[in-house]
Amino acid sequence: MKKIIAITLCVTLLLAGCGVRSEGRKKTLSEEDAAKEMASLLTKVEVTTKKDPVLDIYSDEISEADALADIDTFPITVQGNGSIDVEIAAATELSADAPDDWLNEVARKFNSENHKINNKSVSVSVRKITSGEVVTYILNDRYAPDAFIPSNEAWGKMLDASGYDTTRVADRIAGNTAGILIKKSVYDDFITKYKEVTVKNVLTAANEGDLIFAYTNPYTSSTGLNVLCAMLASFDENDPLSDAATQALLEYQKKSPPVAYTTAVLRNQAAKGVINAMVMEEQAYINTPELKNYIYTPVGIRHDHPVYVFDWTGQEEREAVEEFVKYCQSEQSQTLASKKGFNLHNEYVAQDTGMDGRDYLAAQKVWKQNKNGGRPIAAVFVADISGSMNGEPLNSLKESLIAASPYIGQEHYIGLVSYSDDVTINLPIAQFDATQRAYFAGEVKNLNAGGSTATYDALLVGMNMLKEAEKDIPDAKLMLFLLTDGEQNNGYKYDRVDDVVGGLGIPVYTIAYNYSNISELEDLSNINEAAQIKADSSDVSNVLRNLFNVNL
């Protein structure tokens, strides 16, 4: 299949539909009044429903590997130029911008000091990529770094369990823990009632309404995976993957906020008062001043950044990695790590669940099957096909929607709307079985660009479809995904629809292509606590893959 280009998902993700509104915006219309207003507005919107949607029966089955972007969309943050240069896939808290750049600083200094092996110059290159994405790419034979520095050892165990021959060069190069943050205003009451902060007690408090607790995506986030496994162990300490533990997770997910893709989203939701308890690594907490009104307690396994090499790593490259590891463990490097927020809570001993690599892989699958609390999703994709989308933006959108569609479970209900001057219902909402998938692929492939941008007309059409579908699927979680590359210049304006969106309570995920002025889209997504994603043509594949993996 044609290679689909995309980006490091620096995306935010996703606490949409949690039922709690932002403190910064008041609901001005009731749901009933919003529905009436929507019906009134729609009388002036020209809508065409395709009578014979295109059925694509010739597409090859899409694998997970087909949906992966080129690895180069995850940036190299340090480029080595030695005769022996080793590429290190490094967790983002080590390889991003300051203060999350400890490994970058150490690598640059190492590269400047003319280290040699067998009389050959040695350097390291650092690629910024989440630990979960490294495992996904390796398991799909799309990436083979010389070395891997994940946040914790769970990812190495998962690779071992999948048949990859890893060698652990170091157990620790920068000490860290993952933990739970609880807002000070509720912490004292929590301690009074539950005595101590444990995963089990936090889940009990959340179930009883004493906390609103959120965690991150366990497919990409080391903290999310860590805490998910601690959650399962709290449900059944003898067998975290038992039917009892799985059922308890399902029951918890029915009432909890949906999982977030990144800690950045958790910070935003905490700042707005949507949640008052969350997961986070300690180093991130220390470097986030706006969270100083939260109290941190470590839980789960440690995040000490072990270092791995592979059976494909050459002998000289292995020696270079060992040399670099010693450099990372030097007093000078460790002093810098401490300044960056690492090496705290050194006395903390991991709360081992006894899970091995196969168990971690199974835990991810258990979460994916139960993350929506057993409720189906009804979602409408609203695609901008105005003239400015012509060419690469629309082609990228089409390829990526099709490639990412396997991440949408067949138990969900999906529809498709496109718009330019007018609005077209390409595909009414229906269960995403094999037939609906084929119609979806056919209609996406058949999209063509031209005309102006009636964004909010199309938004109203999509929301009306969802409210109608809700009558037949009363337990469904409603979502709308808006994909656009520019400001509305036709039809209704934002200030005519924002109260309708607020009253209906449907989260609107917005994906903005090649579009710098995203404030209006941010406002739209914030109404019901959804995510706003800024992208360009190369972003789309990974954005949608991870978005669907978390929500659909």
Protein backbone atom coordinates (compact mmCIF):
# COMPACT_ATOMS: atom_id res chain seq x y z
CA MET A 1 0.00 0.00 0.00
CA LYS A 2 1.15 3.53 -0.72
CA LYS A 3 3.25 4.90 2.13
CA ILE A 4 1.27 7.36 4.16
CA ILE A 5 3.19 10.27 5.54
CA ALA A 6 2.52 11.63 8.99
CA ILE A 7 4.07 13.22 12.04
CA THR A 8 5.10 12.64 15.59
CA LEU A 9 1.89 12.86 17.35
CA CYS A 10 2.45 15.79 19.58
CA VAL A 11 -1.24 15.67 19.63
CA THR A 12 -3.22 16.24 22.59
CA LEU A 13 -5.72 13.83 23.52
CA LEU A 14 -8.53 13.39 24.81
CA LEU A 15 -10.84 13.85 27.72
CA ALA A 16 -13.91 14.49 25.67
CA GLY A 17 -17.39 13.52 26.73
CA CYS A 18 -16.54 13.26 30.41
CA GLY A 19 -19.74 15.05 31.33
CA VAL A 20 -18.02 17.91 33.16
CA ARG A 21 -17.98 21.35 31.58
CA SER A 22 -15.16 23.86 31.62
CA GLU A 23 -15.36 26.41 34.42
CA GLY A 24 -14.70 29.12 31.86
CA ARG A 25 -17.90 28.70 29.85
CA LYS A 26 -21.51 28.64 30.96
CA LYS A 27 -24.15 26.54 29.29
CA THR A 28 -26.64 29.06 27.89
CA LEU A 29 -29.11 26.69 26.22
CA SER A 30 -30.76 23.58 27.58
CA GLU A 31 -30.48 20.46 25.45
CA GLU A 32 -34.13 20.83 24.42
CA ASP A 33 -33.71 24.48 23.45
CA ALA A 34 -30.46 23.72 21.62
CA ALA A 35 -32.23 21.03 19.58
CA LYS A 36 -34.98 23.49 18.67
CA GLU A 37 -32.44 26.14 17.69
CA MET A 38 -30.53 23.62 15.59
CA ALA A 39 -33.70 22.63 13.76
CA SER A 40 -34.46 26.28 13.05
CA LEU A 41 -30.97 26.99 11.74
CA LEU A 42 -31.01 23.91 9.52
CA THR A 43 -34.01 25.23 7.59
CA LYS A 44 -31.59 27.59 5.83
CA VAL A 45 -28.90 24.98 5.11
CA GLU A 46 -28.88 23.27 1.73
CA VAL A 47 -28.19 19.57 2.28
CA THR A 48 -27.86 16.77 -0.25
CA THR A 49 -27.90 13.12 0.78
CA LYS A 50 -26.18 10.78 -1.64
CA LYS A 51 -28.68 8.18 -2.82
CA ASP A 52 -26.07 5.73 -4.09
CA PRO A 53 -22.86 5.97 -2.06
CA VAL A 54 -19.79 4.46 -3.63
CA LEU A 55 -19.01 0.94 -2.44
CA ASP A 56 -15.29 0.16 -2.45
CA ILE A 57 -15.01 -3.63 -2.73
CA TYR A 58 -11.50 -3.77 -4.13
CA SER A 59 -9.39 -2.31 -1.34
CA ASP A 60 -6.84 -4.63 0.22
CA GLU A 61 -7.18 -5.29 3.93
CA ILE A 62 -5.31 -2.59 5.81
CA SER A 63 -2.80 -3.71 8.42
CA GLU A 64 -1.54 -1.75 11.40
CA ALA A 65 1.75 -1.25 9.55
CA ASP A 66 -0.13 0.43 6.68
CA ALA A 67 -1.41 3.08 9.08
CA LEU A 68 2.02 3.98 10.43
CA ALA A 69 3.72 7.14 9.24
CA ASP A 70 7.30 7.24 8.05
CA ILE A 71 9.54 7.11 11.10
CA ASP A 72 11.17 10.38 10.01
CA THR A 73 8.05 12.22 11.10
CA PHE A 74 9.41 11.70 14.61
CA PRO A 75 12.23 14.26 14.74
CA ILE A 76 15.93 13.72 15.25
CA THR A 77 16.74 16.16 18.05
CA VAL A 78 20.49 15.49 18.10
CA GLN A 79 22.34 14.52 14.93
CA GLY A 80 25.66 12.72 15.29
CA ASN A 81 28.33 12.67 12.61
CA GLY A 82 30.87 10.12 13.85
CA SER A 83 32.24 7.22 11.81
CA ILE A 84 30.25 5.12 14.26
CA ASP A 85 26.92 6.86 14.86
CA VAL A 86 24.23 5.12 16.91
CA GLU A 87 20.61 6.14 16.69
CA ILE A 88 18.81 6.14 20.03
CA ALA A 89 15.02 6.13 20.23
CA ALA A 90 14.46 8.09 23.42
CA ALA A 91 11.41 8.83 25.57
CA THR A 92 10.09 12.37 25.08
CA GLU A 93 10.79 13.52 28.64
CA LEU A 94 14.46 13.07 27.74
CA SER A 95 14.54 14.23 24.14
CA ALA A 96 12.18 17.19 23.73
CA ASP A 97 12.56 20.90 24.47
CA ALA A 98 13.84 22.22 27.80
CA PRO A 99 13.39 21.17 30.53
CA ASP A 100 12.69 17.78 28.90
CA ASP A 101 16.03 17.78 27.05
CA TRP A 102 18.48 16.13 29.41
CA LEU A 103 19.52 13.41 26.96
CA ASN A 104 19.87 15.97 24.18
CA GLU A 105 22.27 18.06 26.24
CA VAL A 106 24.29 15.04 27.31
CA ALA A 107 24.41 13.73 23.74
CA ARG A 108 25.64 17.04 22.32
CA LYS A 109 28.40 17.24 24.92
CA PHE A 110 29.36 13.61 24.31
CA ASN A 111 29.52 14.23 20.56
CA SER A 112 31.80 17.22 21.07
CA GLU A 113 34.44 15.27 23.03
CA ASN A 114 35.87 13.09 20.25
CA HIS A 115 35.18 9.66 21.75
CA LYS A 116 36.65 6.75 19.77
CA ILE A 117 36.24 3.00 19.38
CA ASN A 118 38.78 1.04 17.35
CA ASN A 119 40.29 4.38 16.40
CA LYS A 120 36.96 5.46 14.85
CA SER A 121 35.06 8.55 15.96
CA VAL A 122 31.86 7.86 17.88
CA SER A 123 28.65 9.88 18.11
CA VAL A 124 25.00 9.43 19.03
CA SER A 125 21.85 10.63 17.31
CA VAL A 126 18.66 11.03 19.35
CA ARG A 127 15.14 10.57 18.01
CA LYS A 128 12.25 12.01 20.06
CA ILE A 129 9.47 9.43 20.19
CA THR A 130 7.18 8.04 22.88
CA SER A 131 8.07 4.63 24.27
CA GLY A 132 4.80 3.14 23.08
CA GLU A 133 5.32 4.35 19.53
CA VAL A 134 8.79 2.75 19.43
CA VAL A 135 7.30 -0.61 20.36
CA THR A 136 4.49 -0.20 17.82
CA TYR A 137 6.94 0.59 15.03
CA ILE A 138 9.36 -2.21 15.92
CA LEU A 139 6.58 -4.79 16.19
CA ASN A 140 5.42 -3.78 12.70
CA ASP A 141 8.95 -3.92 11.24
CA ARG A 142 8.90 -0.21 10.47
CA TYR A 143 11.82 0.90 12.63
CA ALA A 144 15.07 -0.60 13.91
CA PRO A 145 17.00 1.83 16.15
CA ASP A 146 20.43 0.90 17.44
CA ALA A 147 19.31 1.56 21.02
CA PHE A 148 16.08 2.23 22.89
CA ILE A 149 15.65 4.28 26.08
CA PRO A 150 12.01 3.94 27.21
CA SER A 151 10.61 5.45 30.36
CA ASN A 152 10.25 2.11 32.10
CA GLU A 153 11.07 -1.57 31.69
CA ALA A 154 7.56 -2.63 30.66
CA TRP A 155 8.27 -1.76 27.01
CA GLY A 156 11.44 -3.84 26.92
CA LYS A 157 9.55 -6.77 28.38
CA MET A 158 6.89 -6.38 25.69
CA LEU A 159 9.51 -6.56 22.95
CA ASP A 160 11.06 -9.65 24.55
CA ALA A 161 7.66 -11.32 24.76
CA SER A 162 7.12 -10.56 21.07
CA GLY A 163 10.24 -12.45 20.02
CA TYR A 164 12.72 -9.59 19.78
CA ASP A 165 16.14 -10.25 21.26
CA THR A 166 16.96 -7.28 23.48
CA THR A 167 19.96 -6.79 25.75
CA ARG A 168 19.63 -4.40 28.66
CA VAL A 169 22.79 -2.29 28.80
CA ALA A 170 21.69 -0.33 31.87
CA ASP A 171 18.84 -0.52 34.38
CA ARG A 172 18.88 3.23 34.97
CA ILE A 173 20.33 6.38 33.47
CA ALA A 174 17.89 8.97 34.89
CA GLY A 175 15.79 8.10 37.92
CA ASN A 176 12.09 8.91 37.89
CA THR A 177 8.74 7.72 39.17
CA ALA A 178 5.18 7.83 37.94
CA GLY A 179 2.43 8.79 40.30
CA ILE A 180 -0.92 10.28 41.10
CA LEU A 181 -1.57 13.98 41.61
CA ILE A 182 -4.45 15.07 43.82
CA LYS A 183 -5.51 18.68 44.14
CA LYS A 184 -4.72 20.13 47.55
CA SER A 185 -8.29 21.35 48.00
CA VAL A 186 -9.55 17.74 48.05
CA TYR A 187 -6.41 15.96 49.29
CA ASP A 188 -7.02 16.43 53.02
CA ASP A 189 -10.58 15.11 52.78
CA PHE A 190 -9.29 12.18 50.73
CA ILE A 191 -6.67 11.29 53.37
CA THR A 192 -9.21 11.65 56.17
CA LYS A 193 -11.55 9.18 54.49
CA TYR A 194 -9.14 6.80 52.70
CA LYS A 195 -5.97 7.13 54.88
CA GLU A 196 -3.38 6.91 52.08
CA VAL A 197 -2.95 7.45 48.36
CA THR A 198 -2.99 4.11 46.58
CA VAL A 199 -4.35 3.24 43.18
CA LYS A 200 -7.08 1.16 44.81
CA ASN A 201 -8.14 4.00 47.10
CA VAL A 202 -8.12 6.55 44.27
CA LEU A 203 -10.36 4.31 42.15
CA THR A 204 -12.70 3.79 45.10
CA ALA A 205 -12.86 7.54 45.68
CA ALA A 206 -13.55 8.14 42.00
CA ASN A 207 -16.34 5.57 41.97
CA GLU A 208 -17.89 7.25 45.02
CA GLY A 209 -17.68 10.71 43.50
CA ASP A 210 -14.99 12.04 45.81
CA LEU A 211 -12.51 12.54 42.94
CA ILE A 212 -12.51 13.00 39.18
CA PHE A 213 -9.49 10.97 38.11
CA ALA A 214 -7.98 10.73 34.63
CA TYR A 215 -5.05 8.86 33.11
CA THR A 216 -3.21 8.69 29.78
CA ASN A 217 -3.28 6.38 26.76
CA PRO A 218 -1.53 3.09 27.68
CA TYR A 219 -0.58 2.41 24.05
CA THR A 220 1.75 5.42 23.92
CA SER A 221 2.16 6.72 27.46
CA SER A 222 4.48 4.91 29.89
CA THR A 223 2.61 6.44 32.82
CA GLY A 224 -0.70 5.36 31.32
CA LEU A 225 0.47 1.76 30.90
CA ASN A 226 1.99 1.73 34.37
CA VAL A 227 -1.14 3.00 36.08
CA LEU A 228 -3.47 0.84 33.97
CA CYS A 229 -1.63 -2.27 35.17
CA ALA A 230 -1.70 -0.98 38.74
CA MET A 231 -5.45 -0.49 38.35
CA LEU A 232 -5.94 -4.05 37.13
CA ALA A 233 -3.80 -5.34 40.00
CA SER A 234 -5.90 -3.36 42.47
CA PHE A 235 -9.01 -5.09 41.12
CA ASP A 236 -7.42 -8.54 41.50
CA GLU A 237 -3.94 -8.66 43.05
CA ASN A 238 -3.58 -12.40 42.39
CA ASP A 239 -4.47 -12.19 38.70
CA PRO A 240 -4.63 -8.66 37.19
CA LEU A 241 -5.97 -10.10 33.91
CA SER A 242 -8.76 -12.18 35.45
CA ASP A 243 -12.37 -11.86 34.39
CA ALA A 244 -13.09 -10.13 37.70
CA ALA A 245 -10.39 -7.50 37.06
CA THR A 246 -11.57 -6.97 33.49
CA GLN A 247 -15.18 -6.54 34.61
CA ALA A 248 -14.12 -4.09 37.31
CA LEU A 249 -12.23 -2.03 34.71
CA LEU A 250 -15.31 -2.03 32.48
CA GLU A 251 -17.48 -0.79 35.34
CA TYR A 252 -14.96 1.92 36.22
CA GLN A 253 -14.70 3.13 32.62
CA LYS A 254 -18.48 3.59 32.45
CA LYS A 255 -18.20 6.54 34.82
CA SER A 256 -14.65 7.81 34.35
CA PRO A 257 -13.38 10.51 31.98
CA PRO A 258 -12.06 9.00 28.74
CA VAL A 259 -8.34 8.40 28.60
CA ALA A 260 -6.10 11.29 27.54
CA TYR A 261 -3.36 10.92 24.94
CA THR A 262 -0.78 13.12 26.67
CA THR A 263 -0.09 14.69 30.03
CA ALA A 264 -0.42 18.08 28.33
CA VAL A 265 -4.14 17.44 27.97
CA LEU A 266 -4.38 16.46 31.62
CA ARG A 267 -2.69 19.72 32.60
CA ASN A 268 -5.18 21.69 30.51
CA GLN A 269 -8.17 19.87 31.98
CA ALA A 270 -6.84 20.36 35.51
CA ALA A 271 -6.34 24.08 34.89
CA LYS A 272 -9.98 24.36 33.80
CA GLY A 273 -11.26 22.43 36.80
CA VAL A 274 -12.53 19.45 34.80
CA ILE A 275 -10.49 16.97 36.87
CA ASN A 276 -8.88 17.09 40.31
CA ALA A 277 -6.74 13.93 40.20
CA MET A 278 -4.50 12.60 37.45
CA VAL A 279 -1.41 10.58 36.58
CA MET A 280 1.96 12.13 35.77
CA GLU A 281 5.67 11.43 35.94
CA GLU A 282 7.40 13.19 38.81
CA GLN A 283 9.87 15.01 36.55
CA ALA A 284 6.98 16.51 34.57
CA TYR A 285 5.21 17.50 37.79
CA ILE A 286 8.32 19.22 39.17
CA ASN A 287 8.64 21.23 35.95
CA THR A 288 4.99 22.31 35.79
CA PRO A 289 4.54 25.31 38.13
CA GLU A 290 0.80 25.53 37.49
CA LEU A 291 0.39 22.15 39.21
CA LYS A 292 1.99 23.19 42.50
CA ASN A 293 -1.48 23.11 44.03
CA TYR A 294 -1.43 19.33 43.55
CA ILE A 295 0.21 16.75 45.82
CA TYR A 296 2.25 13.96 44.19
CA THR A 297 2.43 10.34 45.35
CA PRO A 298 4.49 7.74 43.43
CA VAL A 299 2.73 4.51 42.40
CA GLY A 300 3.42 1.50 40.21
CA ILE A 301 6.80 0.59 38.76
CA ARG A 302 9.77 2.97 38.57
CA HIS A 303 10.58 5.05 35.49
CA ASP A 304 14.38 4.85 35.54
CA HIS A 305 14.96 4.87 31.76
CA PRO A 306 16.67 1.55 31.12
CA VAL A 307 18.79 1.23 27.96
CA TYR A 308 18.38 -1.58 25.43
CA VAL A 309 20.21 -2.73 22.31
CA PHE A 310 19.02 -5.35 19.82
CA ASP A 311 20.28 -8.38 17.97
CA TRP A 312 20.60 -6.16 14.88
CA THR A 313 22.83 -3.67 16.72
CA GLY A 314 26.40 -4.16 15.45
CA GLN A 315 29.30 -4.87 17.79
CA GLU A 316 30.91 -1.46 17.40
CA GLU A 317 27.54 0.21 17.85
CA ARG A 318 26.98 -1.79 21.05
CA GLU A 319 30.33 -0.62 22.36
CA ALA A 320 29.39 2.95 21.44
CA VAL A 321 26.11 2.63 23.37
CA GLU A 322 27.97 1.25 26.40
CA GLU A 323 30.38 4.20 26.20
CA PHE A 324 27.50 6.65 26.03
CA VAL A 325 25.70 4.97 28.94
CA LYS A 326 28.80 5.42 31.12
CA TYR A 327 28.83 9.07 30.10
CA CYS A 328 25.15 9.42 31.07
CA GLN A 329 25.87 7.83 34.46
CA SER A 330 28.81 10.13 35.21
CA GLU A 331 28.58 12.55 38.13
CA GLN A 332 28.43 15.54 35.78
CA SER A 333 25.56 14.09 33.74
CA GLN A 334 23.64 12.99 36.82
CA THR A 335 23.97 16.45 38.36
CA LEU A 336 22.39 17.85 35.22
CA ALA A 337 19.64 15.19 35.38
CA SER A 338 18.81 16.27 38.92
CA LYS A 339 18.58 19.89 37.79
CA LYS A 340 16.13 18.78 35.11
CA GLY A 341 13.83 17.18 37.71
CA PHE A 342 15.08 13.57 37.68
CA ASN A 343 16.58 11.46 40.51
CA LEU A 344 13.90 12.29 43.08
CA HIS A 345 12.26 9.67 45.31
CA ASN A 346 15.29 7.40 44.98
CA GLU A 347 14.05 5.50 48.00
CA TYR A 348 10.82 4.52 46.26
CA VAL A 349 10.55 0.77 45.63
CA ALA A 350 8.48 -0.39 42.67
CA GLN A 351 5.04 -1.79 43.42
CA ASP A 352 5.51 -4.86 41.26
CA THR A 353 2.33 -6.39 39.85
CA GLY A 354 4.21 -9.51 38.76
CA MET A 355 3.25 -8.89 35.14
CA ASP A 356 5.57 -9.98 32.33
CA GLY A 357 5.73 -8.75 28.73
CA ARG A 358 2.82 -10.89 27.55
CA ASP A 359 0.73 -9.57 30.44
CA TYR A 360 1.51 -5.96 29.51
CA LEU A 361 0.46 -6.62 25.92
CA ALA A 362 -2.71 -8.32 27.15
CA ALA A 363 -3.46 -5.40 29.49
CA GLN A 364 -3.43 -3.00 26.54
CA LYS A 365 -5.95 -5.17 24.72
CA VAL A 366 -8.15 -5.42 27.82
CA TRP A 367 -8.14 -1.63 28.06
CA LYS A 368 -8.95 -1.14 24.38
CA GLN A 369 -11.93 -3.49 24.63
CA ASN A 370 -13.30 -1.78 27.74
CA LYS A 371 -12.20 1.86 27.48
CA ASN A 372 -15.69 3.08 26.53
CA GLY A 373 -17.36 1.27 29.39
CA GLY A 374 -19.19 -1.05 27.01
CA ARG A 375 -20.99 1.83 25.29
CA PRO A 376 -20.91 2.11 21.50
CA ILE A 377 -19.70 5.29 19.81
CA ALA A 378 -21.77 7.15 17.24
CA ALA A 379 -19.47 9.47 15.31
CA VAL A 380 -19.71 11.68 12.25
CA PHE A 381 -16.69 12.79 10.25
CA VAL A 382 -17.19 16.24 8.75
CA ALA A 383 -14.64 16.83 5.99
CA ASP A 384 -13.78 20.18 4.41
CA ILE A 385 -13.54 19.80 0.62
CA SER A 386 -13.35 23.50 -0.24
CA GLY A 387 -10.96 24.70 -2.93
CA SER A 388 -8.03 25.25 -0.58
CA MET A 389 -8.05 21.52 0.27
CA ASN A 390 -7.28 20.62 -3.33
CA GLY A 391 -4.16 18.56 -3.94
CA GLU A 392 -1.95 17.27 -1.15
CA PRO A 393 -4.18 18.25 1.83
CA LEU A 394 -7.19 16.33 0.54
CA ASN A 395 -5.12 13.43 -0.79
CA SER A 396 -3.43 13.07 2.60
CA LEU A 397 -6.77 13.28 4.38
CA LYS A 398 -8.29 10.59 2.17
CA GLU A 399 -5.37 8.18 2.48
CA SER A 400 -5.11 8.65 6.22
CA LEU A 401 -8.82 8.27 6.98
CA ILE A 402 -8.84 4.96 5.13
CA ALA A 403 -5.57 3.77 6.66
CA ALA A 404 -6.70 4.64 10.19
CA SER A 405 -10.20 3.20 9.82
CA PRO A 406 -9.17 -0.29 11.09
CA TYR A 407 -8.78 1.35 14.50
CA ILE A 408 -12.55 1.96 14.55
CA GLY A 409 -14.28 -1.01 16.17
CA GLN A 410 -17.11 -2.69 14.31
CA GLU A 411 -19.40 -2.18 17.30
CA HIS A 412 -19.44 1.58 16.66
CA TYR A 413 -21.62 3.66 14.32
CA ILE A 414 -20.05 5.96 11.75
CA GLY A 415 -21.27 8.57 9.24
CA LEU A 416 -19.55 10.91 6.78
CA VAL A 417 -20.37 14.50 5.76
CA SER A 418 -18.45 16.69 3.32
CA TYR A 419 -18.84 20.40 2.63
CA SER A 420 -17.75 23.36 0.56
CA ASP A 421 -20.46 25.87 -0.49
CA ASP A 422 -23.14 23.35 0.42
CA VAL A 423 -23.30 20.23 2.57
CA THR A 424 -23.46 16.61 1.47
CA ILE A 425 -24.32 13.61 3.62
CA ASN A 426 -22.07 11.13 1.91
CA LEU A 427 -22.85 8.32 4.30
CA PRO A 428 -25.66 8.19 6.90
CA ILE A 429 -24.72 6.82 10.31
CA ALA A 430 -24.69 3.02 10.44
CA GLN A 431 -22.87 0.27 12.28
CA PHE A 432 -19.27 0.07 11.09
CA ASP A 433 -19.46 -3.50 9.80
CA ALA A 434 -17.68 -4.71 6.66
CA THR A 435 -20.30 -3.16 4.38
CA GLN A 436 -20.25 0.25 6.08
CA ARG A 437 -16.42 0.18 6.00
CA ALA A 438 -16.53 -0.42 2.26
CA TYR A 439 -18.97 2.44 1.75
CA PHE A 440 -16.84 4.67 3.97
CA ALA A 441 -13.70 3.88 1.97
CA GLY A 442 -15.52 4.39 -1.32
CA GLU A 443 -16.96 7.77 -0.35
CA VAL A 444 -13.70 9.02 1.14
CA LYS A 445 -11.80 8.06 -2.01
CA ASN A 446 -14.45 9.83 -4.10
CA LEU A 447 -14.11 13.24 -2.36
CA ASN A 448 -13.16 16.15 -4.62
CA ALA A 449 -12.25 19.71 -3.66
CA GLY A 450 -13.73 23.02 -4.85
CA GLY A 451 -15.77 25.97 -3.61
CA SER A 452 -15.95 27.97 -0.40
CA THR A 453 -16.11 26.94 3.27
CA ALA A 454 -19.49 26.50 4.99
CA THR A 455 -18.02 24.92 8.12
CA TYR A 456 -20.78 25.59 10.60
CA ASP A 457 -23.57 24.61 8.24
CA ALA A 458 -21.88 21.22 7.97
CA LEU A 459 -21.34 21.08 11.73
CA LEU A 460 -25.08 21.51 12.30
CA VAL A 461 -25.86 18.77 9.79
CA GLY A 462 -23.47 16.38 11.51
CA MET A 463 -24.89 17.14 14.95
CA ASN A 464 -28.42 16.63 13.73
CA MET A 465 -27.41 13.23 12.35
CA LEU A 466 -25.99 12.29 15.74
CA LYS A 467 -29.09 13.37 17.65
CA GLU A 468 -31.27 11.37 15.27
CA ALA A 469 -29.02 8.32 15.64
CA GLU A 470 -29.25 8.64 19.42
CA LYS A 471 -32.93 7.76 19.22
CA ASP A 472 -32.05 4.31 17.87
CA ILE A 473 -28.84 3.88 19.89
CA PRO A 474 -29.84 5.41 23.24
CA ASP A 475 -26.67 4.34 25.08
CA ALA A 476 -24.28 5.71 22.45
CA LYS A 477 -21.52 8.22 23.16
CA LEU A 478 -21.79 10.93 20.51
CA MET A 479 -18.70 12.47 18.86
CA LEU A 480 -18.06 14.72 15.89
CA PHE A 481 -14.72 15.02 14.07
CA LEU A 482 -14.25 18.21 12.04
CA LEU A 483 -11.38 18.24 9.53
CA THR A 484 -10.73 21.64 7.93
CA ASP A 485 -7.94 23.82 6.55
CA GLY A 486 -9.38 27.30 6.88
CA GLU A 487 -11.83 29.77 8.33
CA GLN A 488 -15.52 29.65 7.54
CA ASN A 489 -16.41 32.05 4.71
CA ASN A 490 -19.88 30.85 3.78
CA GLY A 491 -23.06 30.11 5.73
CA TYR A 492 -23.42 30.47 9.48
CA LYS A 493 -20.68 31.98 11.63
CA TYR A 494 -19.31 30.54 14.86
CA ASP A 495 -21.32 32.80 17.15
CA ARG A 496 -24.56 31.41 15.70
CA VAL A 497 -23.75 27.81 16.60
CA ASP A 498 -21.61 27.82 19.76
CA ASP A 499 -24.55 27.84 22.17
CA VAL A 500 -26.18 25.03 20.19
CA VAL A 501 -23.02 22.94 20.51
CA GLY A 502 -22.89 23.69 24.23
CA GLY A 503 -26.51 22.80 24.79
CA LEU A 504 -26.34 19.54 22.85
CA GLY A 505 -23.20 18.52 24.74
CA ILE A 506 -21.59 16.75 21.78
CA PRO A 507 -17.76 16.93 21.86
CA VAL A 508 -16.26 18.30 18.64
CA TYR A 509 -12.73 17.15 17.83
CA THR A 510 -11.16 19.58 15.38
CA ILE A 511 -8.20 18.76 13.14
CA ALA A 512 -6.77 21.88 11.47
CA TYR A 513 -4.65 21.48 8.34
CA ASN A 514 -1.97 24.00 7.33
CA TYR A 515 -3.89 26.51 9.40
CA SER A 516 -2.25 28.86 11.89
CA ASN A 517 -5.29 30.82 13.11
CA ILE A 518 -6.90 28.06 15.13
CA SER A 519 -8.36 30.05 18.01
CA GLU A 520 -11.93 29.60 16.81
CA LEU A 521 -11.43 25.84 16.42
CA GLU A 522 -9.91 25.70 19.89
CA ASP A 523 -12.97 27.47 21.26
CA LEU A 524 -15.23 25.03 19.44
CA SER A 525 -13.44 21.98 20.85
CA ASN A 526 -13.28 23.47 24.34
CA ILE A 527 -17.06 23.87 24.56
CA ASN A 528 -17.51 20.21 25.43
CA GLU A 529 -13.93 19.34 26.45
CA ALA A 530 -12.72 17.71 23.22
CA ALA A 531 -9.28 17.95 21.62
CA GLN A 532 -8.07 20.47 19.04
CA ILE A 533 -5.24 19.21 16.87
CA LYS A 534 -3.05 21.40 14.73
CA ALA A 535 -1.69 19.53 11.74
CA ASP A 536 -0.37 19.88 8.24
CA SER A 537 -0.61 17.49 5.34
CA SER A 538 2.08 15.25 6.81
CA ASP A 539 0.38 15.03 10.22
CA VAL A 540 -2.79 13.27 9.37
CA SER A 541 -2.00 9.57 9.52
CA ASN A 542 -0.56 9.39 13.03
CA VAL A 543 -3.04 11.97 14.31
CA LEU A 544 -6.01 9.91 13.19
CA ARG A 545 -4.48 6.56 14.13
CA ASN A 546 -3.94 7.64 17.72
CA LEU A 547 -7.16 9.60 17.90
CA PHE A 548 -9.16 6.55 16.83
CA ASN A 549 -7.17 4.20 19.03
CA VAL A 550 -8.12 6.20 22.10
CA ASN A 551 -11.71 7.12 21.24
CA LEU A 552 -13.16 4.59 18.81
